[in-house]
């Protein structure tokens, strides 16, 4: 997902009908392929990996973040170790 797609997602969120205002707290930073996405929490800097079946729990604050900072997420995402998986 590129920056243009992230901005478009903010303007017209995929989950906007079911979760009004989702874009105010979260940015979806990956595609919806595979029935899940990464979400960036704009208030806490955390990144979540959320499967579609877990969206209700995510929105209710019941999921733990995959990373507590966006920097840690980027470091993991672009690491050589991650590329070999």
C-alpha atoms as a PDB file:
ATOM      1  CA  UNK A   1       0.000   0.000   0.000  1.00  0.00           C
ATOM      2  CA  UNK A   2       1.485   3.345  -0.979  1.00  0.00           C
ATOM      3  CA  UNK A   3       1.013   6.752   0.627  1.00  0.00           C
ATOM      4  CA  UNK A   4      -1.667   7.777  -1.871  1.00  0.00           C
ATOM      5  CA  UNK A   5      -3.703   4.690  -0.973  1.00  0.00           C
ATOM      6  CA  UNK A   6      -3.291   5.376   2.759  1.00  0.00           C
ATOM      7  CA  UNK A   7      -4.597   8.927   2.272  1.00  0.00           C
ATOM      8  CA  UNK A   8      -7.513   7.624   0.202  1.00  0.00           C
ATOM      9  CA  UNK A   9      -8.265   5.073   2.931  1.00  0.00           C
ATOM     10  CA  UNK A  10      -8.346   7.921   5.454  1.00  0.00           C
ATOM     11  CA  UNK A  11     -10.805   9.854   3.300  1.00  0.00           C
ATOM     12  CA  UNK A  12     -13.003   6.832   2.516  1.00  0.00           C
ATOM     13  CA  UNK A  13     -12.286   4.091   5.059  1.00  0.00           C
ATOM     14  CA  UNK A  14     -13.017   0.515   4.045  1.00  0.00           C
ATOM     15  CA  UNK A  15     -14.545  -0.081   7.490  1.00  0.00           C
ATOM     16  CA  UNK A  16     -16.239   3.339   7.684  1.00  0.00           C
ATOM     17  CA  UNK A  17     -19.804   2.074   7.323  1.00  0.00           C
ATOM     18  CA  UNK A  18     -19.501  -0.505  10.086  1.00  0.00           C
ATOM     19  CA  UNK A  19     -17.236   1.583  12.360  1.00  0.00           C
ATOM     20  CA  UNK A  20     -18.056   5.269  11.848  1.00  0.00           C
ATOM     21  CA  UNK A  21     -15.102   7.505  12.707  1.00  0.00           C
ATOM     22  CA  UNK A  22     -12.498   4.713  12.530  1.00  0.00           C
ATOM     23  CA  UNK A  23     -10.262   7.044  10.524  1.00  0.00           C
ATOM     24  CA  UNK A  24     -10.117   9.504  13.422  1.00  0.00           C
ATOM     25  CA  UNK A  25      -8.085   7.077  15.568  1.00  0.00           C
ATOM     26  CA  UNK A  26      -6.618   4.550  13.117  1.00  0.00           C
ATOM     27  CA  UNK A  27      -4.939   4.514   9.724  1.00  0.00           C
ATOM     28  CA  UNK A  28      -5.065   1.285   7.757  1.00  0.00           C
ATOM     29  CA  UNK A  29      -1.509   0.957   6.473  1.00  0.00           C
ATOM     30  CA  UNK A  30      -1.749  -2.264   4.467  1.00  0.00           C
ATOM     31  CA  UNK A  31      -4.036  -3.718   1.875  1.00  0.00           C
ATOM     32  CA  UNK A  32      -7.115  -5.736   2.773  1.00  0.00           C
ATOM     33  CA  UNK A  33      -5.900  -8.763   0.867  1.00  0.00           C
ATOM     34  CA  UNK A  34      -5.731 -11.881   2.987  1.00  0.00           C
ATOM     35  CA  UNK A  35      -8.673 -10.733   5.107  1.00  0.00           C
ATOM     36  CA  UNK A  36      -6.578  -8.693   7.496  1.00  0.00           C
ATOM     37  CA  UNK A  37      -4.650  -5.445   7.730  1.00  0.00           C
ATOM     38  CA  UNK A  38      -2.140  -3.495   9.745  1.00  0.00           C
ATOM     39  CA  UNK A  39      -3.587  -0.492  11.557  1.00  0.00           C
ATOM     40  CA  UNK A  40      -1.645   2.437  12.978  1.00  0.00           C
ATOM     41  CA  UNK A  41      -3.068   3.998  16.152  1.00  0.00           C
ATOM     42  CA  UNK A  42      -2.619   7.753  15.736  1.00  0.00           C
ATOM     43  CA  UNK A  43      -3.009   8.382  19.473  1.00  0.00           C
ATOM     44  CA  UNK A  44      -0.586   5.808  20.894  1.00  0.00           C
ATOM     45  CA  UNK A  45       1.825   5.171  17.962  1.00  0.00           C
ATOM     46  CA  UNK A  46       1.058   1.421  18.211  1.00  0.00           C
ATOM     47  CA  UNK A  47       0.598  -0.881  15.208  1.00  0.00           C
ATOM     48  CA  UNK A  48      -1.938  -3.694  15.201  1.00  0.00           C
ATOM     49  CA  UNK A  49      -2.305  -6.717  12.952  1.00  0.00           C
ATOM     50  CA  UNK A  50      -6.036  -7.303  12.684  1.00  0.00           C
ATOM     51  CA  UNK A  51      -7.885 -10.080  10.912  1.00  0.00           C
ATOM     52  CA  UNK A  52     -11.367  -9.207   9.696  1.00  0.00           C
ATOM     53  CA  UNK A  53     -12.942 -11.633  12.164  1.00  0.00           C
ATOM     54  CA  UNK A  54     -11.288  -9.651  14.990  1.00  0.00           C
ATOM     55  CA  UNK A  55     -12.457  -6.165  13.968  1.00  0.00           C
ATOM     56  CA  UNK A  56     -15.132  -5.957  16.696  1.00  0.00           C
ATOM     57  CA  UNK A  57     -12.553  -6.833  19.358  1.00  0.00           C
ATOM     58  CA  UNK A  58     -10.061  -4.391  17.840  1.00  0.00           C
ATOM     59  CA  UNK A  59     -12.537  -1.533  17.882  1.00  0.00           C
ATOM     60  CA  UNK A  60     -13.509  -2.419  21.466  1.00  0.00           C
ATOM     61  CA  UNK A  61      -9.850  -2.134  22.523  1.00  0.00           C
ATOM     62  CA  UNK A  62      -9.486  -5.842  23.286  1.00  0.00           C
ATOM     63  CA  UNK A  63      -6.478  -6.585  21.048  1.00  0.00           C
ATOM     64  CA  UNK A  64      -2.863  -6.099  22.015  1.00  0.00           C
ATOM     65  CA  UNK A  65      -0.648  -4.206  19.568  1.00  0.00           C
ATOM     66  CA  UNK A  66       1.809  -6.103  17.425  1.00  0.00           C
ATOM     67  CA  UNK A  67       4.275  -3.235  17.988  1.00  0.00           C
ATOM     68  CA  UNK A  68       4.156  -0.418  20.524  1.00  0.00           C
ATOM     69  CA  UNK A  69       5.751   2.052  18.109  1.00  0.00           C
ATOM     70  CA  UNK A  70       5.574   2.712  14.406  1.00  0.00           C
ATOM     71  CA  UNK A  71       9.362   2.813  14.296  1.00  0.00           C
ATOM     72  CA  UNK A  72       9.553  -0.748  15.676  1.00  0.00           C
ATOM     73  CA  UNK A  73       7.015  -1.854  13.074  1.00  0.00           C
ATOM     74  CA  UNK A  74       9.042  -0.285  10.243  1.00  0.00           C
ATOM     75  CA  UNK A  75      12.252  -1.792  11.535  1.00  0.00           C
ATOM     76  CA  UNK A  76      10.606  -5.246  11.578  1.00  0.00           C
ATOM     77  CA  UNK A  77       8.777  -4.789   8.267  1.00  0.00           C
ATOM     78  CA  UNK A  78      11.908  -3.815   6.363  1.00  0.00           C
ATOM     79  CA  UNK A  79      14.307  -6.155   8.126  1.00  0.00           C
ATOM     80  CA  UNK A  80      16.191  -8.807   6.191  1.00  0.00           C
ATOM     81  CA  UNK A  81      14.888 -11.418   8.610  1.00  0.00           C
ATOM     82  CA  UNK A  82      11.300 -10.590   7.667  1.00  0.00           C
ATOM     83  CA  UNK A  83      12.105 -10.797   3.937  1.00  0.00           C
ATOM     84  CA  UNK A  84      13.275 -14.381   4.221  1.00  0.00           C
ATOM     85  CA  UNK A  85       9.934 -15.579   5.621  1.00  0.00           C
END
